[in-house]
Each structure stands twice: as C-alpha cells, then as structure tokens.
Amino acid sequence: MSLDPQLLEILACPDTHHAPLRHDPAEQTLTCTECGRVFEIRDDIPVLLLDEARPARGAAE
C-alpha cells in the first residue's frame, strides 16, 4: 500500500524550515528536500520524529 498523494502534498519536514519531503516508495522513506534527513514509513504511517530520522547521506553522525 502506498501513501495517499494528498497526504504527500501536505507533509513537511518537522524541523524549523518545514521543507517538502520526497517520497521513495521502494525504500518506504520520506527525505527532506532541504536538510536531507530520512524519515521511515512504518505500517503506512510516516514517522516524522527528528529523533528517529536518519541523517542525510554523507552527513557526520
């Protein structure tokens, strides 16, 4: 099952810049277009918690 396109239009990064998110249906993730954080989608529910997000690729952890 995939995310509703209308939901994808309104979802944004929970950080202060509130940038749009890019959906990767194969990986079941949402990636911030500004900071690059990767948010997982679990059981068709986006987990938009900064503490649970993976850092941008190439970012120092």
N, C-alpha and C. Protein backbone atom coordinates (compact mmCIF):
# COMPACT_ATOMS: atom_id res chain seq x y z
N MET A 1 0.85 -1.19 0.00
CA MET A 1 0.00 0.00 0.00
C MET A 1 0.89 1.24 0.00
N SER A 2 0.49 2.27 -0.73
CA SER A 2 1.28 3.49 -0.79
C SER A 2 0.57 4.63 -0.08
N LEU A 3 1.31 5.67 0.16
CA LEU A 3 0.72 6.83 0.83
C LEU A 3 -0.22 7.58 -0.11
N ASP A 4 -1.24 8.16 0.47
CA ASP A 4 -2.21 8.96 -0.28
C ASP A 4 -1.49 10.18 -0.87
N PRO A 5 -1.65 10.44 -2.17
CA PRO A 5 -0.99 11.59 -2.80
C PRO A 5 -1.36 12.92 -2.14
N GLN A 6 -2.58 13.05 -1.64
CA GLN A 6 -2.97 14.30 -0.96
C GLN A 6 -2.20 14.47 0.34
N LEU A 7 -1.95 13.37 1.03
CA LEU A 7 -1.15 13.43 2.26
C LEU A 7 0.27 13.84 1.94
N LEU A 8 0.84 13.28 0.89
CA LEU A 8 2.20 13.62 0.50
C LEU A 8 2.35 15.11 0.18
N GLU A 9 1.29 15.72 -0.36
CA GLU A 9 1.34 17.15 -0.69
C GLU A 9 1.46 18.03 0.54
N ILE A 10 0.90 17.60 1.67
CA ILE A 10 0.90 18.47 2.85
C ILE A 10 1.98 18.12 3.87
N LEU A 11 2.60 16.94 3.73
CA LEU A 11 3.66 16.58 4.67
C LEU A 11 4.89 17.46 4.48
N ALA A 12 5.53 17.80 5.59
CA ALA A 12 6.74 18.63 5.55
C ALA A 12 7.69 18.17 6.65
N CYS A 13 8.94 18.52 6.50
CA CYS A 13 9.94 18.20 7.50
C CYS A 13 9.54 18.86 8.83
N PRO A 14 9.66 18.14 9.94
CA PRO A 14 9.28 18.72 11.22
C PRO A 14 10.30 19.71 11.78
N ASP A 15 11.45 19.86 11.13
CA ASP A 15 12.43 20.85 11.58
C ASP A 15 11.90 22.25 11.27
N THR A 16 12.58 23.27 11.73
CA THR A 16 12.07 24.64 11.64
C THR A 16 11.90 25.15 10.20
N HIS A 17 12.57 24.55 9.23
CA HIS A 17 12.46 25.03 7.84
C HIS A 17 11.22 24.48 7.14
N HIS A 18 10.61 23.42 7.66
CA HIS A 18 9.38 22.83 7.12
C HIS A 18 9.42 22.63 5.62
N ALA A 19 10.52 22.11 5.12
CA ALA A 19 10.68 21.87 3.68
C ALA A 19 9.85 20.67 3.24
N PRO A 20 9.51 20.62 1.96
CA PRO A 20 8.76 19.47 1.44
C PRO A 20 9.58 18.18 1.55
N LEU A 21 8.88 17.07 1.50
CA LEU A 21 9.51 15.76 1.60
C LEU A 21 9.38 15.02 0.27
N ARG A 22 10.44 14.28 -0.09
CA ARG A 22 10.44 13.47 -1.32
C ARG A 22 10.18 12.02 -0.92
N HIS A 23 9.21 11.41 -1.56
CA HIS A 23 8.79 10.04 -1.23
C HIS A 23 9.56 9.03 -2.07
N ASP A 24 10.07 7.99 -1.41
CA ASP A 24 10.71 6.87 -2.10
C ASP A 24 9.89 5.63 -1.76
N PRO A 25 8.96 5.25 -2.66
CA PRO A 25 8.09 4.11 -2.35
C PRO A 25 8.84 2.79 -2.22
N ALA A 26 9.92 2.61 -2.95
CA ALA A 26 10.67 1.36 -2.88
C ALA A 26 11.35 1.19 -1.51
N GLU A 27 11.89 2.27 -0.98
CA GLU A 27 12.58 2.23 0.31
C GLU A 27 11.64 2.49 1.49
N GLN A 28 10.40 2.92 1.19
CA GLN A 28 9.44 3.30 2.23
C GLN A 28 10.01 4.38 3.14
N THR A 29 10.47 5.47 2.50
CA THR A 29 11.03 6.60 3.24
C THR A 29 10.54 7.91 2.65
N LEU A 30 10.70 8.94 3.46
CA LEU A 30 10.49 10.32 3.05
C LEU A 30 11.78 11.06 3.34
N THR A 31 12.28 11.83 2.38
CA THR A 31 13.54 12.54 2.55
C THR A 31 13.28 14.04 2.44
N CYS A 32 13.81 14.80 3.39
CA CYS A 32 13.67 16.25 3.38
C CYS A 32 14.46 16.83 2.21
N THR A 33 13.83 17.70 1.45
CA THR A 33 14.49 18.30 0.29
C THR A 33 15.50 19.38 0.70
N GLU A 34 15.48 19.79 1.97
CA GLU A 34 16.44 20.81 2.41
C GLU A 34 17.57 20.23 3.26
N CYS A 35 17.24 19.53 4.34
CA CYS A 35 18.29 19.05 5.25
C CYS A 35 18.72 17.62 4.93
N GLY A 36 17.94 16.90 4.14
CA GLY A 36 18.33 15.55 3.72
C GLY A 36 18.01 14.45 4.73
N ARG A 37 17.40 14.79 5.86
CA ARG A 37 17.04 13.75 6.83
C ARG A 37 16.09 12.75 6.17
N VAL A 38 16.23 11.49 6.57
CA VAL A 38 15.41 10.42 6.01
C VAL A 38 14.47 9.91 7.10
N PHE A 39 13.17 9.97 6.82
CA PHE A 39 12.14 9.52 7.75
C PHE A 39 11.54 8.22 7.22
N GLU A 40 11.43 7.22 8.08
CA GLU A 40 10.87 5.94 7.68
C GLU A 40 9.35 6.00 7.63
N ILE A 41 8.78 5.12 6.81
CA ILE A 41 7.34 4.91 6.79
C ILE A 41 7.13 3.50 7.33
N ARG A 42 6.46 3.41 8.47
CA ARG A 42 6.22 2.11 9.11
C ARG A 42 4.73 1.81 9.11
N ASP A 43 4.36 0.66 8.58
CA ASP A 43 2.95 0.27 8.52
C ASP A 43 2.10 1.36 7.88
N ASP A 44 2.63 1.95 6.79
CA ASP A 44 1.96 3.01 6.03
C ASP A 44 1.77 4.30 6.82
N ILE A 45 2.55 4.49 7.89
CA ILE A 45 2.48 5.71 8.69
C ILE A 45 3.85 6.38 8.69
N PRO A 46 3.94 7.63 8.20
CA PRO A 46 5.22 8.34 8.23
C PRO A 46 5.62 8.66 9.67
N VAL A 47 6.85 8.33 10.02
CA VAL A 47 7.37 8.61 11.36
C VAL A 47 8.19 9.89 11.25
N LEU A 48 7.54 11.02 11.54
CA LEU A 48 8.19 12.32 11.36
C LEU A 48 8.71 12.86 12.69
N LEU A 49 9.55 12.08 13.32
CA LEU A 49 10.19 12.48 14.57
C LEU A 49 11.66 12.73 14.29
N LEU A 50 12.14 13.91 14.66
CA LEU A 50 13.55 14.25 14.40
C LEU A 50 14.49 13.26 15.07
N ASP A 51 14.14 12.78 16.25
CA ASP A 51 15.00 11.83 16.97
C ASP A 51 15.08 10.48 16.27
N GLU A 52 14.09 10.15 15.46
CA GLU A 52 14.05 8.85 14.77
C GLU A 52 14.59 8.93 13.35
N ALA A 53 14.79 10.14 12.84
CA ALA A 53 15.25 10.31 11.46
C ALA A 53 16.70 9.91 11.31
N ARG A 54 17.03 9.38 10.14
CA ARG A 54 18.43 9.10 9.80
C ARG A 54 19.02 10.38 9.24
N PRO A 55 20.31 10.62 9.50
CA PRO A 55 20.95 11.82 8.96
C PRO A 55 21.07 11.75 7.44
N ALA A 56 21.27 12.89 6.87
CA ALA A 56 21.48 12.96 5.41
C ALA A 56 22.69 12.13 5.04
N ARG A 57 22.67 11.56 3.85
CA ARG A 57 23.83 10.78 3.39
C ARG A 57 25.05 11.69 3.31
N GLY A 58 26.13 11.20 3.85
CA GLY A 58 27.37 11.97 3.83
C GLY A 58 27.50 12.93 5.00
N ALA A 59 26.45 13.04 5.82
CA ALA A 59 26.49 13.94 6.98
C ALA A 59 27.22 13.22 8.12
N ALA A 60 27.93 13.98 8.91
CA ALA A 60 28.61 13.42 10.07
C ALA A 60 27.58 13.06 11.12
N GLU A 61 27.74 11.91 11.73
CA GLU A 61 26.78 11.49 12.75
C GLU A 61 27.22 11.91 14.12
